[in-house]
């Protein structure tokens, strides 16, 4: 059976140039195609595989839960032990005001739920977001996406959404008593790893508090140790009102969540009843996998080595063709002079056995975000492949 032909014929495509490697298995930082070729997953499946692929404890948790029960009923009706246990573990490692978890299927759905919750809490409809922000591509999440290129084809979108400049004083000033929420990434992911100044984030927090505005922190990509702490907001001196999680949350299984205070979450139970609902959100197998993955991450203490590994990799990524490197832990944007150059280097990296990609709003920058379990010799190998790929493409 020719799976490539069937893939192109029967699987809805998202671009006219998919990577289209037929993978057979994955373990740790490596993936293997049907021909046995080995690839380093240099982007962790887009920050999903933070502990690597197919960790035995996660696989065991999936198998055990699948043998007991999978889907039972619409979310929120039965007590499902995997959901409860994972929510308890998550909130054990969060500030006391982030004590109630609503599990969804994905990060985008977490964004949708958080926007609805903010409207219920505040009774307002005005939403502030940022240029070059990415929060998912469903209609509501798309409305707050920070690029007109992606929004324009799907208008009309949500009204009363205003996009501001990340890190600007004007953004602080725009927060007023008519604002329901501000949705912000601690590190702008698809802008090419752009970090906000802590003082600016603290001013944002203060202005939201002063006007009764819900501050929503999107840690869908930055969460679970990616930046060198379990949550990126821990490095900023702020606590959000609502936290968005996804990607690594499910340990490789589909899972998202928005987390807030119980008193706020209770507003979704009445006027109307079932104010937010999902059939498969918080699937018990996904919750079992996610809990096991978080336990592995905490037990192995890989997070405490993230900053050291970050500097180690950056020290090896030296070439005149690399214009700059922005990083936040093991999460890097290696920037070239153009998308054309970046695309050539990325393609060559894949040929040499390194999976990488570009950023939505910074197409001239290469994404490097390997699993946190990666060792220094493997980081050196990544750097070597990137540098060799630059040489192979003849980039000056």
Protein backbone atom coordinates (compact mmCIF):
# COMPACT_ATOMS: atom_id res chain seq x y z
CA UNK A 1 0.00 0.00 0.00
CA UNK A 2 1.41 3.39 -1.02
CA UNK A 3 0.74 5.47 2.07
CA UNK A 4 2.29 8.60 0.59
CA UNK A 5 -0.22 8.66 -2.26
CA UNK A 6 -3.08 7.88 0.10
CA UNK A 7 -1.86 10.57 2.54
CA UNK A 8 -1.96 13.20 -0.20
CA UNK A 9 -5.31 11.94 -1.51
CA UNK A 10 -7.32 11.30 1.64
CA UNK A 11 -5.77 13.42 4.43
CA UNK A 12 -6.76 17.08 4.37
CA UNK A 13 -3.60 19.07 3.77
CA UNK A 14 -2.57 22.26 5.56
CA UNK A 15 0.02 23.33 3.01
CA UNK A 16 1.18 22.39 -0.47
CA UNK A 17 4.53 21.19 0.89
CA UNK A 18 4.10 18.82 3.85
CA UNK A 19 7.26 17.16 5.19
CA UNK A 20 5.61 13.82 4.30
CA UNK A 21 8.05 11.43 5.95
CA UNK A 22 6.35 8.16 6.80
CA UNK A 23 7.34 7.51 10.40
CA UNK A 24 7.19 4.07 11.96
CA UNK A 25 8.20 4.58 15.59
CA UNK A 26 9.58 7.14 18.04
CA UNK A 27 11.49 6.81 21.27
CA UNK A 28 13.21 9.44 23.40
CA UNK A 29 14.51 12.25 21.20
CA UNK A 30 14.48 10.06 18.07
CA UNK A 31 11.98 9.17 15.37
CA UNK A 32 12.46 6.43 12.78
CA UNK A 33 10.93 6.24 9.33
CA UNK A 34 9.73 3.13 7.51
CA UNK A 35 13.17 2.73 5.94
CA UNK A 36 14.87 2.72 9.34
CA UNK A 37 16.38 6.19 9.01
CA UNK A 38 16.88 7.96 12.34
CA UNK A 39 15.81 11.56 12.94
CA UNK A 40 16.38 13.77 15.96
CA UNK A 41 13.12 15.46 16.89
CA UNK A 42 14.49 18.97 17.13
CA UNK A 43 11.10 20.52 17.86
CA UNK A 44 9.55 17.94 20.23
CA UNK A 45 6.51 17.56 18.00
CA UNK A 46 6.00 21.32 18.47
CA UNK A 47 6.67 21.30 22.23
CA UNK A 48 4.50 18.24 22.89
CA UNK A 49 7.21 15.67 23.64
CA UNK A 50 8.94 17.58 26.43
CA UNK A 51 9.99 14.31 28.10
CA UNK A 52 10.69 12.63 24.77
CA UNK A 53 8.62 10.12 22.83
CA UNK A 54 7.06 6.91 24.17
CA UNK A 55 8.42 7.06 27.69
CA UNK A 56 7.71 3.65 29.23
CA UNK A 57 5.85 5.13 32.21
CA UNK A 58 3.55 7.06 29.89
CA UNK A 59 3.00 4.05 27.64
CA UNK A 60 2.19 1.92 30.68
CA UNK A 61 -0.27 4.53 31.99
CA UNK A 62 -2.02 4.64 28.60
CA UNK A 63 -2.26 0.86 28.38
CA UNK A 64 -3.53 0.47 31.92
CA UNK A 65 -6.18 3.17 31.58
CA UNK A 66 -7.32 1.93 28.17
CA UNK A 67 -7.85 -1.51 29.67
CA UNK A 68 -10.05 -0.07 32.45
CA UNK A 69 -12.17 2.44 30.56
CA UNK A 70 -11.93 5.07 27.86
CA UNK A 71 -14.81 7.39 27.02
CA UNK A 72 -17.78 7.06 29.39
CA UNK A 73 -19.97 10.16 29.13
CA UNK A 74 -19.83 13.84 28.30
CA UNK A 75 -17.20 15.73 30.32
CA UNK A 76 -18.06 16.75 33.87
CA UNK A 77 -20.76 14.23 34.78
CA UNK A 78 -18.98 11.14 36.12
CA UNK A 79 -16.09 11.14 38.57
CA UNK A 80 -13.23 9.88 36.44
CA UNK A 81 -10.17 9.16 38.53
CA UNK A 82 -7.55 10.06 35.86
CA UNK A 83 -9.04 13.55 35.50
CA UNK A 84 -9.25 14.16 39.23
CA UNK A 85 -5.78 12.84 39.97
CA UNK A 86 -4.17 14.90 37.21
CA UNK A 87 -6.02 18.08 38.19
CA UNK A 88 -4.84 17.60 41.78
CA UNK A 89 -1.23 17.13 40.68
CA UNK A 90 -1.32 20.20 38.43
CA UNK A 91 -2.78 22.46 41.09
CA UNK A 92 -0.22 21.20 43.62
CA UNK A 93 2.37 22.97 41.47
CA UNK A 94 0.41 26.16 40.84
CA UNK A 95 -0.43 29.24 42.94
CA UNK A 96 -3.43 28.87 45.23
CA UNK A 97 -5.67 30.99 42.99
CA UNK A 98 -5.15 28.56 40.10
CA UNK A 99 -6.95 25.70 41.80
CA UNK A 100 -9.64 24.49 39.38
CA UNK A 101 -8.96 22.77 36.06
CA UNK A 102 -11.22 22.56 33.03
CA UNK A 103 -9.75 19.94 30.68
CA UNK A 104 -10.27 20.34 26.94
CA UNK A 105 -9.09 18.47 23.85
CA UNK A 106 -6.50 21.03 22.77
CA UNK A 107 -4.84 24.35 23.50
CA UNK A 108 -7.12 26.17 21.07
CA UNK A 109 -10.18 24.90 22.94
CA UNK A 110 -8.59 26.04 26.19
CA UNK A 111 -8.33 29.52 24.67
CA UNK A 112 -12.00 29.43 23.69
CA UNK A 113 -13.07 28.38 27.18
CA UNK A 114 -10.93 31.01 28.86
CA UNK A 115 -12.39 33.82 26.75
CA UNK A 116 -15.90 32.68 27.63
CA UNK A 117 -15.01 32.50 31.31
CA UNK A 118 -13.54 36.00 31.28
CA UNK A 119 -16.74 37.36 29.77
CA UNK A 120 -18.81 35.65 32.48
CA UNK A 121 -16.60 36.84 35.33
CA UNK A 122 -16.45 40.46 34.20
CA UNK A 123 -19.72 40.89 32.34
CA UNK A 124 -17.70 42.61 29.61
CA UNK A 125 -16.88 41.77 25.99
CA UNK A 126 -13.76 43.77 25.07
CA UNK A 127 -10.68 41.58 24.57
CA UNK A 128 -7.08 42.76 24.20
CA UNK A 129 -4.48 40.62 22.45
CA UNK A 130 -1.13 41.23 20.78
CA UNK A 131 0.40 41.44 17.35
CA UNK A 132 2.33 38.29 16.43
CA UNK A 133 0.48 36.26 19.07
CA UNK A 134 -0.71 32.72 18.44
CA UNK A 135 -3.41 31.08 20.57
CA UNK A 136 -4.91 28.50 18.18
CA UNK A 137 -6.89 28.65 14.95
CA UNK A 138 -10.51 28.00 15.87
CA UNK A 139 -12.77 30.99 15.22
CA UNK A 140 -12.46 32.58 18.65
CA UNK A 141 -8.75 31.85 18.98
CA UNK A 142 -8.25 33.08 15.44
CA UNK A 143 -9.92 36.36 16.40
CA UNK A 144 -7.11 37.06 18.86
CA UNK A 145 -4.34 35.70 16.63
CA UNK A 146 -1.87 38.51 15.99
CA UNK A 147 -1.66 38.37 12.21
CA UNK A 148 -4.11 39.70 9.65
CA UNK A 149 -2.64 37.35 7.03
CA UNK A 150 -4.23 34.37 8.83
CA UNK A 151 -7.35 36.20 10.07
CA UNK A 152 -8.47 37.91 6.91
CA UNK A 153 -9.81 34.91 4.96
CA UNK A 154 -12.23 34.00 7.77
CA UNK A 155 -13.86 37.29 8.65
CA UNK A 156 -16.17 38.29 10.22
CA UNK A 157 -14.60 37.18 13.48
CA UNK A 158 -15.31 38.14 17.09
CA UNK A 159 -16.07 41.84 17.58
CA UNK A 160 -14.38 44.05 20.17
CA UNK A 161 -10.98 42.40 19.84
CA UNK A 162 -8.06 44.82 19.76
CA UNK A 163 -4.47 43.96 18.91
CA UNK A 164 -1.66 45.86 20.58
CA UNK A 165 2.12 45.91 20.43
CA UNK A 166 3.73 43.36 22.73
CA UNK A 167 5.83 45.07 25.38
CA UNK A 168 4.50 48.56 24.67
CA UNK A 169 3.30 51.23 27.09
CA UNK A 170 0.30 51.75 24.82
CA UNK A 171 -0.81 48.22 25.62
CA UNK A 172 -0.83 48.99 29.33
CA UNK A 173 -2.78 52.19 28.78
CA UNK A 174 -5.39 50.39 26.66
CA UNK A 175 -6.57 48.28 29.61
CA UNK A 176 -9.67 49.94 31.05
CA UNK A 177 -12.93 49.29 32.87
CA UNK A 178 -14.56 48.04 29.64
CA UNK A 179 -11.98 45.29 29.14
CA UNK A 180 -12.92 41.69 29.89
CA UNK A 181 -9.49 40.15 29.49
CA UNK A 182 -5.97 40.48 28.20
CA UNK A 183 -4.55 37.35 26.55
CA UNK A 184 -0.76 37.25 26.60
CA UNK A 185 2.10 34.81 26.09
CA UNK A 186 4.95 35.03 28.58
CA UNK A 187 7.16 34.34 25.57
CA UNK A 188 5.70 34.97 22.13
CA UNK A 189 6.20 31.64 20.42
CA UNK A 190 5.39 32.13 16.74
CA UNK A 191 6.96 35.58 16.72
CA UNK A 192 10.24 33.71 17.00
CA UNK A 193 10.81 33.42 20.78
CA UNK A 194 10.25 37.03 21.82
CA UNK A 195 10.30 37.49 25.60
CA UNK A 196 8.54 40.31 27.40
CA UNK A 197 10.34 42.40 29.97
CA UNK A 198 9.32 41.36 33.48
CA UNK A 199 8.64 44.96 34.47
CA UNK A 200 6.21 45.27 31.56
CA UNK A 201 4.41 42.06 32.52
CA UNK A 202 4.16 43.28 36.11
CA UNK A 203 2.69 46.58 34.90
CA UNK A 204 0.24 44.62 32.75
CA UNK A 205 -0.77 42.58 35.81
CA UNK A 206 -1.19 45.71 37.94
CA UNK A 207 -3.34 47.46 35.34
CA UNK A 208 -5.56 44.39 34.97
CA UNK A 209 -6.00 44.21 38.73
CA UNK A 210 -6.80 47.91 38.98
CA UNK A 211 -9.63 47.61 36.44
CA UNK A 212 -10.97 44.15 37.34
CA UNK A 213 -9.68 42.64 34.12
CA UNK A 214 -8.86 38.94 33.76
CA UNK A 215 -5.24 38.32 32.79
CA UNK A 216 -5.01 35.15 30.68
CA UNK A 217 -1.52 33.67 30.36
CA UNK A 218 -1.02 31.38 27.38
CA UNK A 219 1.54 28.75 28.37
CA UNK A 220 0.43 26.22 25.79
CA UNK A 221 3.94 26.08 24.35
CA UNK A 222 6.03 27.53 27.19
CA UNK A 223 4.68 25.26 29.94
CA UNK A 224 6.16 22.09 31.41
CA UNK A 225 9.74 23.25 31.76
CA UNK A 226 10.40 24.53 28.27
CA UNK A 227 11.80 27.87 29.48
CA UNK A 228 13.69 26.57 32.52
CA UNK A 229 10.90 26.60 35.10
CA UNK A 230 7.77 24.50 35.23
CA UNK A 231 5.71 27.53 34.19
CA UNK A 232 7.24 30.54 32.44
CA UNK A 233 5.19 32.97 34.55
CA UNK A 234 7.17 31.83 37.61
CA UNK A 235 10.13 33.81 36.23
CA UNK A 236 8.13 37.01 35.79
CA UNK A 237 6.83 37.87 39.25
CA UNK A 238 3.17 37.67 38.21
CA UNK A 239 0.29 35.24 38.63
CA UNK A 240 -2.38 35.15 35.90
CA UNK A 241 -6.11 34.86 36.57
CA UNK A 242 -6.44 32.11 33.96
CA UNK A 243 -3.70 29.79 32.73
CA UNK A 244 -3.85 28.09 29.33
CA UNK A 245 -2.12 24.74 28.87
CA UNK A 246 -1.82 22.28 26.00
CA UNK A 247 0.96 20.67 23.94
CA UNK A 248 3.04 18.81 26.59
CA UNK A 249 0.04 18.64 28.94
CA UNK A 250 -1.05 15.27 27.53
CA UNK A 251 2.35 13.59 27.43
CA UNK A 252 1.86 12.90 23.72
CA UNK A 253 -1.92 12.46 23.90
CA UNK A 254 -4.41 15.20 22.92
CA UNK A 255 -5.20 17.40 25.92
CA UNK A 256 -5.63 21.06 26.80
CA UNK A 257 -6.79 22.95 29.88
CA UNK A 258 -7.72 26.33 31.23
CA UNK A 259 -7.15 26.78 34.94
CA UNK A 260 -8.61 29.44 37.22
CA UNK A 261 -10.03 29.96 40.69
CA UNK A 262 -12.97 27.73 41.65
CA UNK A 263 -15.20 30.73 42.38
CA UNK A 264 -14.79 31.87 38.78
CA UNK A 265 -15.20 28.42 37.25
CA UNK A 266 -18.52 27.95 39.05
CA UNK A 267 -20.01 30.64 36.82
CA UNK A 268 -20.00 28.13 33.97
CA UNK A 269 -22.54 25.97 35.83
CA UNK A 270 -25.56 28.28 35.60
CA UNK A 271 -27.20 31.01 33.52
CA UNK A 272 -26.89 29.00 31.32
CA UNK A 273 -26.37 25.55 32.77
CA UNK A 274 -23.61 23.75 30.85
CA UNK A 275 -22.02 27.12 30.11
CA UNK A 276 -19.04 25.36 28.60
CA UNK A 277 -19.18 21.74 27.54
CA UNK A 278 -17.13 19.17 25.66
CA UNK A 279 -17.62 15.51 24.84
CA UNK A 280 -14.03 14.28 24.76
CA UNK A 281 -12.24 17.00 26.74
CA UNK A 282 -10.15 15.52 29.53
CA UNK A 283 -10.27 12.07 27.99
CA UNK A 284 -9.26 9.62 30.74
CA UNK A 285 -6.48 8.04 28.67
CA UNK A 286 -5.05 11.49 27.87
CA UNK A 287 -5.22 12.49 31.52
CA UNK A 288 -3.49 9.27 32.60
CA UNK A 289 -0.74 9.90 30.04
CA UNK A 290 -0.35 13.54 31.02
CA UNK A 291 -0.11 12.79 34.71
CA UNK A 292 2.52 10.12 34.09
CA UNK A 293 4.51 12.51 31.89
CA UNK A 294 4.45 15.28 34.49
CA UNK A 295 5.56 12.84 37.17
CA UNK A 296 8.49 11.78 34.98
CA UNK A 297 9.42 15.43 34.35
CA UNK A 298 9.40 16.19 38.07
CA UNK A 299 11.23 13.01 39.07
CA UNK A 300 14.00 13.35 36.50
CA UNK A 301 14.61 17.04 37.32
CA UNK A 302 15.45 17.82 33.70
CA UNK A 303 14.12 21.33 34.20
CA UNK A 304 17.03 22.38 36.39
CA UNK A 305 19.45 21.68 33.51
CA UNK A 306 17.48 23.58 30.86
CA UNK A 307 19.33 26.89 31.18
CA UNK A 308 22.73 25.19 31.11
CA UNK A 309 21.76 23.19 28.02
CA UNK A 310 20.44 26.37 26.42
CA UNK A 311 23.84 28.07 26.73
CA UNK A 312 25.68 24.93 25.67
CA UNK A 313 23.72 24.70 22.41
CA UNK A 314 23.99 28.42 21.68
CA UNK A 315 27.76 28.29 22.09
CA UNK A 316 27.99 25.73 19.27
CA UNK A 317 25.56 27.50 16.94
CA UNK A 318 28.05 29.98 15.54
CA UNK A 319 28.15 30.84 11.84
CA UNK A 320 28.19 34.12 9.87
CA UNK A 321 24.91 33.13 8.19
CA UNK A 322 23.16 33.08 11.58
CA UNK A 323 22.10 36.67 12.16
CA UNK A 324 20.85 36.20 15.73
CA UNK A 325 19.59 33.59 18.16
CA UNK A 326 16.72 34.33 20.53
CA UNK A 327 16.08 31.76 23.21
CA UNK A 328 14.03 31.02 26.31
CA UNK A 329 15.42 27.83 27.74
CA UNK A 330 15.49 24.93 25.27
CA UNK A 331 13.39 26.94 22.84
CA UNK A 332 15.29 28.83 20.18
CA UNK A 333 14.83 30.91 17.07
CA UNK A 334 17.91 30.71 14.87
CA UNK A 335 17.49 33.58 12.44
CA UNK A 336 18.79 33.85 8.88
CA UNK A 337 18.55 36.67 6.33
CA UNK A 338 15.38 35.39 4.66
CA UNK A 339 12.75 32.68 4.56
CA UNK A 340 14.36 31.34 1.40
CA UNK A 341 17.66 30.76 3.20
CA UNK A 342 15.91 29.30 6.23
CA UNK A 343 13.83 26.95 4.11
CA UNK A 344 16.91 25.62 2.33
CA UNK A 345 18.72 25.01 5.63
CA UNK A 346 15.67 23.35 7.20
CA UNK A 347 15.29 21.03 4.20
CA UNK A 348 18.96 20.10 4.42
CA UNK A 349 18.69 19.49 8.17
CA UNK A 350 15.90 17.02 7.52
CA UNK A 351 18.06 15.26 4.95
CA UNK A 352 20.77 14.97 7.62
CA UNK A 353 18.32 13.55 10.16
CA UNK A 354 17.19 16.60 12.15
CA UNK A 355 13.52 17.59 12.21
CA UNK A 356 13.08 21.34 12.52
CA UNK A 357 10.77 24.02 11.13
CA UNK A 358 10.10 27.75 10.91
CA UNK A 359 7.91 30.15 12.88
CA UNK A 360 4.54 31.41 11.65
CA UNK A 361 5.31 35.08 12.15
CA UNK A 362 9.10 34.88 11.76
CA UNK A 363 9.61 32.70 8.73
CA UNK A 364 13.30 33.54 8.44
CA UNK A 365 13.95 31.89 11.82
CA UNK A 366 14.49 28.16 12.42
CA UNK A 367 12.81 26.53 15.41
CA UNK A 368 14.91 24.41 17.76
CA UNK A 369 13.11 22.97 20.78
CA UNK A 370 14.26 19.40 21.51
CA UNK A 371 12.91 17.22 24.32
CA UNK A 372 14.19 18.36 27.72
CA UNK A 373 15.76 14.94 28.30
CA UNK A 374 18.31 15.58 25.56
CA UNK A 375 21.96 15.15 26.50
CA UNK A 376 24.81 17.54 25.74
CA UNK A 377 26.41 15.26 23.15
CA UNK A 378 23.06 15.18 21.34
CA UNK A 379 22.80 18.97 21.48
CA UNK A 380 26.26 19.14 19.95
CA UNK A 381 25.04 16.79 17.22
CA UNK A 382 22.09 19.11 16.52
CA UNK A 383 24.44 22.08 16.21
CA UNK A 384 26.71 20.09 13.91
CA UNK A 385 23.82 19.19 11.61
CA UNK A 386 22.64 22.81 11.44
CA UNK A 387 26.15 24.08 10.65
CA UNK A 388 26.76 21.37 8.07
CA UNK A 389 23.40 22.15 6.47
CA UNK A 390 24.35 25.80 6.20
CA UNK A 391 27.57 24.80 4.46
CA UNK A 392 25.75 22.36 2.16
CA UNK A 393 23.33 25.03 0.99
CA UNK A 394 26.16 27.46 0.23
CA UNK A 395 24.79 30.15 2.51
CA UNK A 396 27.29 32.91 3.24
